[in-house]
């Protein structure tokens, strides 16, 4: 038995085998109790035709529940000595006669199930000392089980939050202006997803959680749909975020095929590892031929974006806020941004700086040859109507002591 077991299940099986051999009984098993049903999750037995992994029965009629209810003791050398035990199905089929059962308790004190061993014959040698061994083995089983339990609880919690949001059409989408640093005029806007405030997490974490439970592509597509719905309400281009994995789906291809691609800057997020650059390039080729522009997001925040740039030859790179914030007073950050701008321009790629919050940062970015900027200095994310109210930002004059990276 036990083919196809996970590593954790095999560890449990080894503990059960130790219990069965040490107590010289016919079967040992781990059961999960969900409040209504007993599930035999892992079984070690000498009579496999009687005891099957996956077997279920009503929890209320099990020996395990009777032990938990203290109707019968945890160690039973002979079931015939306990009328309450003989009333239960296990006394008739598979006709158990000796039994020991201990609870499996997780670290927070919750009951997971039971760790049991049983025999088809009476066993006068079965004592509380045997229960002590079972307690030790059950504690070890609890340690093995807990990570999967917590993972499942996390999945259920994430799904419970996501399902209503997905049913309602996905996250709210707001727009943040993107301006030309040289003129202060808005040239486009980025569509940004917003999730319920009581979730207390950033959008990238929300999307990562969705992907962890298999709902990531659906959530991204809903965000793209909502961003696309704003195209008719704004001038200029709209930047939309998508992960490489979602971009490769048929659903994403169908969605993009319906849109005015010449007005879309597709931002490839760098949080995903790209498994197949050839497939990614093939998916992008017809879209770009139809006018779609490609941007690599979060450049400078990690290693993936540089690989994305080399392989995909984007139209735009977006410099991550982590190396924009404070660059007016940090020569190392300024040098890094200037080098990225020089590299991009040498490849015919435009540069957008994210997270621009001060006029001083605006000035320094312009001096370094960065083309466009985005951040609170130019406007906070909001509804499309808010973009109309964004006047041209006053463009600070470059400092005379510093030459523009474009002029070098």
Protein backbone atom coordinates (compact mmCIF):
# COMPACT_ATOMS: atom_id res chain seq x y z
CA UNK A 1 0.00 0.00 0.00
CA UNK A 2 0.93 3.64 -0.09
CA UNK A 3 2.04 4.07 -3.69
CA UNK A 4 1.79 7.67 -4.75
CA UNK A 5 2.18 8.99 -1.23
CA UNK A 6 3.62 12.41 -0.64
CA UNK A 7 6.83 12.73 1.35
CA UNK A 8 4.83 13.75 4.44
CA UNK A 9 2.43 10.82 4.05
CA UNK A 10 5.35 8.42 3.77
CA UNK A 11 6.82 9.82 7.00
CA UNK A 12 3.45 9.23 8.68
CA UNK A 13 3.36 5.71 7.25
CA UNK A 14 6.78 5.02 8.78
CA UNK A 15 5.51 6.15 12.19
CA UNK A 16 2.43 3.95 11.84
CA UNK A 17 4.58 0.99 10.87
CA UNK A 18 6.65 1.55 14.00
CA UNK A 19 3.48 1.60 16.09
CA UNK A 20 2.00 -1.53 14.51
CA UNK A 21 5.21 -3.57 14.77
CA UNK A 22 5.99 -2.43 18.31
CA UNK A 23 2.49 -3.25 19.55
CA UNK A 24 2.21 -6.40 17.40
CA UNK A 25 -1.22 -5.40 16.10
CA UNK A 26 -2.93 -5.82 12.72
CA UNK A 27 -3.30 -2.22 11.65
CA UNK A 28 -2.22 1.31 12.54
CA UNK A 29 -3.76 4.38 10.95
CA UNK A 30 -3.97 8.15 11.02
CA UNK A 31 -7.51 9.44 10.82
CA UNK A 32 -8.68 12.99 10.18
CA UNK A 33 -11.87 14.04 11.95
CA UNK A 34 -13.75 16.91 10.33
CA UNK A 35 -16.67 17.01 12.77
CA UNK A 36 -18.95 14.71 10.82
CA UNK A 37 -16.70 12.18 9.09
CA UNK A 38 -13.68 10.08 9.93
CA UNK A 39 -11.20 9.86 7.05
CA UNK A 40 -8.50 7.15 7.09
CA UNK A 41 -5.69 9.18 5.58
CA UNK A 42 -2.67 6.90 6.02
CA UNK A 43 -2.83 3.18 6.86
CA UNK A 44 -0.19 0.59 7.68
CA UNK A 45 -1.73 -2.88 7.80
CA UNK A 46 -1.04 -6.59 7.51
CA UNK A 47 -4.56 -7.17 6.14
CA UNK A 48 -4.97 -4.55 3.38
CA UNK A 49 -8.29 -5.94 2.13
CA UNK A 50 -9.88 -4.88 5.45
CA UNK A 51 -8.29 -1.47 5.89
CA UNK A 52 -8.12 0.98 2.99
CA UNK A 53 -6.65 4.47 2.80
CA UNK A 54 -9.39 6.90 1.89
CA UNK A 55 -12.11 4.94 3.71
CA UNK A 56 -14.69 7.16 5.39
CA UNK A 57 -17.39 6.63 7.96
CA UNK A 58 -19.62 8.70 10.15
CA UNK A 59 -17.51 10.10 12.94
CA UNK A 60 -20.17 9.57 15.61
CA UNK A 61 -20.10 5.76 15.21
CA UNK A 62 -16.31 5.34 15.37
CA UNK A 63 -14.24 3.94 18.18
CA UNK A 64 -12.11 7.09 17.95
CA UNK A 65 -15.07 9.33 18.76
CA UNK A 66 -16.14 7.08 21.59
CA UNK A 67 -12.63 7.41 23.06
CA UNK A 68 -12.71 11.20 22.65
CA UNK A 69 -16.12 11.27 24.36
CA UNK A 70 -14.61 9.17 27.18
CA UNK A 71 -17.24 6.48 26.70
CA UNK A 72 -14.43 3.94 26.41
CA UNK A 73 -10.75 4.08 27.47
CA UNK A 74 -7.86 4.89 25.16
CA UNK A 75 -6.35 1.42 25.64
CA UNK A 76 -8.63 -1.58 25.19
CA UNK A 77 -7.06 -5.08 25.43
CA UNK A 78 -10.47 -6.68 24.77
CA UNK A 79 -13.42 -4.83 23.22
CA UNK A 80 -15.82 -7.42 24.65
CA UNK A 81 -15.16 -5.96 28.09
CA UNK A 82 -16.80 -2.68 27.00
CA UNK A 83 -20.45 -2.86 25.91
CA UNK A 84 -20.26 0.67 24.42
CA UNK A 85 -17.44 -0.46 22.15
CA UNK A 86 -19.29 -3.60 21.07
CA UNK A 87 -22.24 -1.49 19.85
CA UNK A 88 -20.07 0.15 17.21
CA UNK A 89 -19.58 -1.05 13.60
CA UNK A 90 -15.84 -1.71 14.05
CA UNK A 91 -16.68 -4.47 16.54
CA UNK A 92 -18.56 -6.33 13.81
CA UNK A 93 -16.64 -5.44 10.67
CA UNK A 94 -13.65 -5.69 10.51
CA UNK A 95 -14.33 -7.28 13.94
CA UNK A 96 -11.71 -5.43 15.96
CA UNK A 97 -10.95 -6.83 19.39
CA UNK A 98 -8.00 -4.77 20.70
CA UNK A 99 -7.56 -1.05 20.30
CA UNK A 100 -5.48 1.95 21.29
CA UNK A 101 -6.27 5.50 20.22
CA UNK A 102 -4.62 8.84 20.99
CA UNK A 103 -5.49 12.32 19.68
CA UNK A 104 -3.35 14.21 17.18
CA UNK A 105 -3.18 17.78 18.46
CA UNK A 106 -1.74 20.66 16.44
CA UNK A 107 0.40 23.44 17.92
CA UNK A 108 -2.57 25.75 18.48
CA UNK A 109 -4.38 23.08 20.48
CA UNK A 110 -6.85 22.08 17.76
CA UNK A 111 -7.72 18.43 17.24
CA UNK A 112 -6.66 17.12 13.83
CA UNK A 113 -7.69 13.52 14.30
CA UNK A 114 -6.44 10.34 15.89
CA UNK A 115 -3.44 8.05 15.75
CA UNK A 116 -4.65 4.49 16.31
CA UNK A 117 -3.61 0.88 16.27
CA UNK A 118 -5.91 -2.15 16.40
CA UNK A 119 -5.89 -5.93 16.37
CA UNK A 120 -8.31 -8.60 15.22
CA UNK A 121 -7.68 -10.56 18.39
CA UNK A 122 -7.64 -9.65 22.05
CA UNK A 123 -4.29 -8.55 23.47
CA UNK A 124 -3.98 -8.76 27.25
CA UNK A 125 -0.46 -7.29 26.98
CA UNK A 126 -1.80 -3.96 25.67
CA UNK A 127 -1.18 -1.42 28.45
CA UNK A 128 -0.91 2.28 29.19
CA UNK A 129 2.80 1.97 28.43
CA UNK A 130 1.79 1.30 24.83
CA UNK A 131 -0.35 4.43 24.94
CA UNK A 132 2.78 6.40 25.90
CA UNK A 133 4.51 5.18 22.74
CA UNK A 134 1.47 6.14 20.68
CA UNK A 135 1.45 9.62 22.25
CA UNK A 136 5.06 10.18 21.18
CA UNK A 137 4.37 8.96 17.66
CA UNK A 138 1.19 11.07 17.43
CA UNK A 139 3.16 14.16 18.46
CA UNK A 140 5.68 13.45 15.71
CA UNK A 141 2.81 13.00 13.24
CA UNK A 142 1.34 16.35 14.27
CA UNK A 143 4.63 18.10 13.43
CA UNK A 144 4.64 16.48 9.98
CA UNK A 145 0.98 17.25 9.31
CA UNK A 146 0.88 20.87 10.46
CA UNK A 147 2.55 22.61 7.47
CA UNK A 148 0.01 21.12 5.04
CA UNK A 149 -2.86 22.02 7.36
CA UNK A 150 -1.71 25.61 7.65
CA UNK A 151 -1.17 25.79 3.89
CA UNK A 152 -4.71 24.56 3.27
CA UNK A 153 -6.11 27.03 5.80
CA UNK A 154 -4.22 29.82 4.02
CA UNK A 155 -5.61 28.72 0.65
CA UNK A 156 -9.13 28.69 2.05
CA UNK A 157 -8.70 32.14 3.60
CA UNK A 158 -7.33 33.60 0.36
CA UNK A 159 -10.07 31.97 -1.71
CA UNK A 160 -12.77 33.24 0.65
CA UNK A 161 -11.49 36.80 0.12
CA UNK A 162 -10.92 36.50 -3.61
CA UNK A 163 -14.12 34.76 -4.70
CA UNK A 164 -16.47 37.69 -3.95
CA UNK A 165 -14.02 40.16 -5.52
CA UNK A 166 -13.72 38.08 -8.69
CA UNK A 167 -17.50 37.62 -8.83
CA UNK A 168 -17.86 41.41 -8.64
CA UNK A 169 -15.55 41.94 -11.62
CA UNK A 170 -12.11 42.19 -10.05
CA UNK A 171 -10.13 44.98 -8.41
CA UNK A 172 -10.92 48.66 -8.73
CA UNK A 173 -8.68 50.31 -11.32
CA UNK A 174 -7.36 53.86 -10.99
CA UNK A 175 -5.10 55.92 -13.25
CA UNK A 176 -1.88 57.73 -12.42
CA UNK A 177 -0.50 60.32 -14.85
CA UNK A 178 2.78 59.85 -16.71
CA UNK A 179 4.40 63.10 -17.84
CA UNK A 180 7.21 64.17 -20.13
CA UNK A 181 9.96 65.51 -17.86
CA UNK A 182 11.07 68.10 -20.38
CA UNK A 183 7.64 69.72 -20.78
CA UNK A 184 5.61 68.59 -17.76
CA UNK A 185 2.79 67.55 -20.10
CA UNK A 186 0.89 64.32 -19.52
CA UNK A 187 1.57 61.72 -22.21
CA UNK A 188 -0.20 58.76 -20.70
CA UNK A 189 -1.37 57.08 -17.53
CA UNK A 190 -0.81 53.80 -15.76
CA UNK A 191 -3.78 51.66 -14.75
CA UNK A 192 -3.25 50.54 -11.15
CA UNK A 193 -5.29 47.91 -9.33
CA UNK A 194 -6.70 48.64 -5.90
CA UNK A 195 -7.97 46.05 -3.44
CA UNK A 196 -10.14 46.40 -0.32
CA UNK A 197 -8.35 48.44 2.33
CA UNK A 198 -9.16 45.98 5.09
CA UNK A 199 -7.01 43.38 3.34
CA UNK A 200 -4.02 45.45 4.42
CA UNK A 201 -1.73 44.38 1.59
CA UNK A 202 -0.23 45.84 -1.56
CA UNK A 203 -1.56 44.92 -5.02
CA UNK A 204 1.50 42.83 -5.91
CA UNK A 205 0.92 40.71 -2.79
CA UNK A 206 -2.78 40.33 -3.68
CA UNK A 207 -1.92 39.13 -7.16
CA UNK A 208 0.77 36.78 -5.80
CA UNK A 209 -1.75 35.29 -3.38
CA UNK A 210 -4.22 34.82 -6.21
CA UNK A 211 -1.61 32.99 -8.25
CA UNK A 212 -0.82 30.78 -5.24
CA UNK A 213 -4.40 29.45 -5.27
CA UNK A 214 -4.74 29.19 -9.05
CA UNK A 215 -6.79 32.37 -9.50
CA UNK A 216 -3.98 34.69 -10.61
CA UNK A 217 -4.62 34.65 -14.35
CA UNK A 218 -8.34 35.27 -13.83
CA UNK A 219 -7.66 38.20 -11.49
CA UNK A 220 -5.11 39.76 -13.86
CA UNK A 221 -7.51 39.45 -16.80
CA UNK A 222 -10.28 41.15 -14.84
CA UNK A 223 -7.89 44.00 -14.00
CA UNK A 224 -6.97 44.29 -17.68
CA UNK A 225 -10.67 44.36 -18.63
CA UNK A 226 -11.30 47.20 -16.20
CA UNK A 227 -8.26 49.10 -17.42
CA UNK A 228 -9.37 48.65 -21.03
CA UNK A 229 -12.80 50.07 -20.15
CA UNK A 230 -11.09 53.37 -19.29
CA UNK A 231 -9.47 53.87 -22.70
CA UNK A 232 -12.42 55.81 -24.11
CA UNK A 233 -12.39 58.16 -21.14
CA UNK A 234 -8.80 59.42 -21.35
CA UNK A 235 -6.37 60.79 -23.90
CA UNK A 236 -2.91 59.42 -24.47
CA UNK A 237 -1.79 55.88 -23.87
CA UNK A 238 -2.75 53.65 -20.95
CA UNK A 239 -0.11 51.41 -19.39
CA UNK A 240 -1.47 48.05 -18.26
CA UNK A 241 0.35 45.48 -16.15
CA UNK A 242 0.48 41.78 -16.92
CA UNK A 243 2.67 38.92 -15.75
CA UNK A 244 4.49 36.81 -18.38
CA UNK A 245 2.44 33.75 -17.41
CA UNK A 246 -0.89 35.51 -17.90
CA UNK A 247 0.26 37.05 -21.17
CA UNK A 248 0.76 33.55 -22.57
CA UNK A 249 -2.84 32.48 -21.90
CA UNK A 250 -5.38 32.23 -24.73
CA UNK A 251 -7.75 34.40 -22.72
CA UNK A 252 -5.25 37.25 -22.58
CA UNK A 253 -4.57 36.99 -26.31
CA UNK A 254 -8.31 37.17 -27.02
CA UNK A 255 -8.72 40.20 -24.74
CA UNK A 256 -5.84 42.15 -26.28
CA UNK A 257 -7.05 41.33 -29.80
CA UNK A 258 -10.21 43.37 -29.08
CA UNK A 259 -8.37 46.51 -27.98
CA UNK A 260 -6.84 49.51 -29.79
CA UNK A 261 -3.29 48.27 -29.33
CA UNK A 262 -1.67 51.52 -30.51
CA UNK A 263 -2.96 53.14 -27.30
CA UNK A 264 -1.65 50.45 -24.96
CA UNK A 265 1.72 50.20 -23.25
CA UNK A 266 1.86 46.67 -21.88
CA UNK A 267 4.02 46.52 -18.76
CA UNK A 268 5.63 43.15 -18.20
CA UNK A 269 5.98 42.75 -14.45
CA UNK A 270 9.26 41.34 -13.30
CA UNK A 271 7.88 39.37 -10.38
CA UNK A 272 7.45 36.24 -12.52
CA UNK A 273 10.27 34.12 -13.80
CA UNK A 274 9.90 33.59 -17.55
CA UNK A 275 9.99 29.88 -18.29
CA UNK A 276 9.97 30.17 -22.08
CA UNK A 277 11.22 33.36 -23.68
CA UNK A 278 10.62 31.97 -27.17
CA UNK A 279 6.93 31.49 -26.39
CA UNK A 280 6.75 34.96 -24.85
CA UNK A 281 8.36 36.58 -27.89
CA UNK A 282 6.04 34.65 -30.21
CA UNK A 283 2.96 35.78 -28.27
CA UNK A 284 4.09 39.41 -28.35
CA UNK A 285 5.11 39.55 -32.02
CA UNK A 286 1.65 39.94 -33.64
CA UNK A 287 0.53 42.33 -30.91
CA UNK A 288 3.54 44.57 -31.36
CA UNK A 289 3.14 44.42 -35.14
CA UNK A 290 -0.39 45.76 -34.58
CA UNK A 291 0.88 48.75 -32.60
CA UNK A 292 1.24 47.49 -29.03
CA UNK A 293 4.21 48.91 -27.16
CA UNK A 294 6.03 46.85 -24.54
CA UNK A 295 7.49 48.10 -21.26
CA UNK A 296 9.60 46.29 -18.69
CA UNK A 297 8.45 47.28 -15.20
CA UNK A 298 10.45 47.63 -11.97
CA UNK A 299 13.85 47.85 -13.67
CA UNK A 300 16.53 47.99 -11.02
CA UNK A 301 14.49 46.17 -8.39
CA UNK A 302 15.70 42.66 -9.29
CA UNK A 303 17.59 40.51 -11.71
CA UNK A 304 14.71 39.39 -13.94
CA UNK A 305 14.07 42.76 -15.55
CA UNK A 306 17.53 42.94 -17.16
CA UNK A 307 16.99 39.54 -18.75
CA UNK A 308 13.55 40.68 -19.92
CA UNK A 309 15.14 43.75 -21.54
CA UNK A 310 17.80 41.81 -23.41
CA UNK A 311 15.41 39.17 -24.74
CA UNK A 312 12.23 41.16 -25.46
CA UNK A 313 13.75 44.42 -26.79
CA UNK A 314 11.07 46.61 -25.17
CA UNK A 315 9.94 50.06 -26.26
CA UNK A 316 10.06 51.44 -22.71
CA UNK A 317 11.77 50.62 -19.43
CA UNK A 318 10.35 51.80 -16.14
CA UNK A 319 12.93 52.49 -13.46
CA UNK A 320 11.80 51.22 -10.07
CA UNK A 321 11.04 53.74 -7.35
CA UNK A 322 13.64 52.12 -5.09
CA UNK A 323 16.44 53.73 -7.10
CA UNK A 324 14.54 56.94 -7.90
CA UNK A 325 13.66 58.03 -4.38
CA UNK A 326 16.38 60.35 -3.08
CA UNK A 327 18.57 60.20 -6.17
CA UNK A 328 18.92 64.01 -6.07
CA UNK A 329 21.08 63.65 -2.93
CA UNK A 330 22.59 60.21 -3.58
CA UNK A 331 25.31 60.17 -6.25
CA UNK A 332 25.34 56.36 -6.41
CA UNK A 333 21.62 56.21 -7.25
CA UNK A 334 22.05 59.05 -9.74
CA UNK A 335 24.91 57.21 -11.45
CA UNK A 336 22.84 54.02 -11.66
CA UNK A 337 19.81 55.81 -13.12
CA UNK A 338 22.03 57.73 -15.56
CA UNK A 339 23.66 54.47 -16.70
CA UNK A 340 20.27 52.83 -17.23
CA UNK A 341 19.08 55.83 -19.24
CA UNK A 342 22.21 55.81 -21.37
CA UNK A 343 21.88 52.07 -21.94
CA UNK A 344 18.19 52.38 -22.85
CA UNK A 345 18.69 55.29 -25.24
CA UNK A 346 21.52 53.43 -26.92
CA UNK A 347 19.00 50.68 -27.67
CA UNK A 348 16.32 53.12 -28.85
CA UNK A 349 14.26 52.59 -25.68
CA UNK A 350 12.43 55.32 -23.75
CA UNK A 351 12.78 55.63 -19.98
CA UNK A 352 10.09 56.28 -17.37
CA UNK A 353 11.04 56.93 -13.73
CA UNK A 354 8.54 55.68 -11.14
CA UNK A 355 7.95 57.09 -7.68
CA UNK A 356 8.93 60.71 -8.41
CA UNK A 357 7.80 62.67 -5.36
CA UNK A 358 9.74 65.96 -5.35
CA UNK A 359 10.73 68.74 -7.68
CA UNK A 360 14.37 68.01 -6.86
CA UNK A 361 13.99 64.43 -8.10
CA UNK A 362 12.26 65.75 -11.22
CA UNK A 363 15.19 68.09 -11.86
CA UNK A 364 17.83 65.42 -11.40
CA UNK A 365 16.00 62.88 -13.55
CA UNK A 366 15.71 65.42 -16.35
CA UNK A 367 19.42 66.17 -16.07
CA UNK A 368 20.17 62.45 -16.34
CA UNK A 369 18.22 62.18 -19.58
CA UNK A 370 15.19 60.30 -18.28
CA UNK A 371 12.27 60.86 -20.65
CA UNK A 372 9.15 60.52 -18.52
CA UNK A 373 8.14 60.48 -14.89
CA UNK A 374 5.38 59.09 -12.75
CA UNK A 375 4.68 59.66 -9.06
CA UNK A 376 2.94 61.83 -6.50
CA UNK A 377 4.86 64.89 -7.69
CA UNK A 378 2.83 64.69 -10.91
CA UNK A 379 -0.43 63.29 -9.57
CA UNK A 380 -1.85 60.59 -7.36
CA UNK A 381 -3.78 57.61 -8.71
CA UNK A 382 -7.46 58.38 -9.19
CA UNK A 383 -10.43 58.19 -11.54
CA UNK A 384 -10.08 59.22 -15.21
CA UNK A 385 -11.70 62.58 -14.49
CA UNK A 386 -8.83 63.49 -12.19
CA UNK A 387 -6.40 63.34 -15.11
CA UNK A 388 -8.23 66.21 -16.82
CA UNK A 389 -7.54 68.39 -13.79
CA UNK A 390 -3.78 67.72 -13.89
CA UNK A 391 -2.21 70.88 -15.22
CA UNK A 392 1.18 70.77 -16.83
CA UNK A 393 3.78 70.43 -14.12
CA UNK A 394 6.21 73.30 -13.83
CA UNK A 395 9.47 72.12 -15.31
CA UNK A 396 12.49 73.04 -13.19
CA UNK A 397 15.53 74.30 -15.01
CA UNK A 398 18.52 71.98 -15.06
CA UNK A 399 21.36 72.99 -12.77
CA UNK A 400 24.14 74.58 -14.77
CA UNK A 401 26.85 72.63 -13.04
CA UNK A 402 25.47 69.33 -14.26
CA UNK A 403 25.23 68.39 -17.94
CA UNK A 404 22.37 66.27 -19.20
CA UNK A 405 23.13 62.64 -19.82
CA UNK A 406 21.69 63.11 -23.32
CA UNK A 407 24.24 65.89 -24.03
CA UNK A 408 27.21 63.82 -22.95
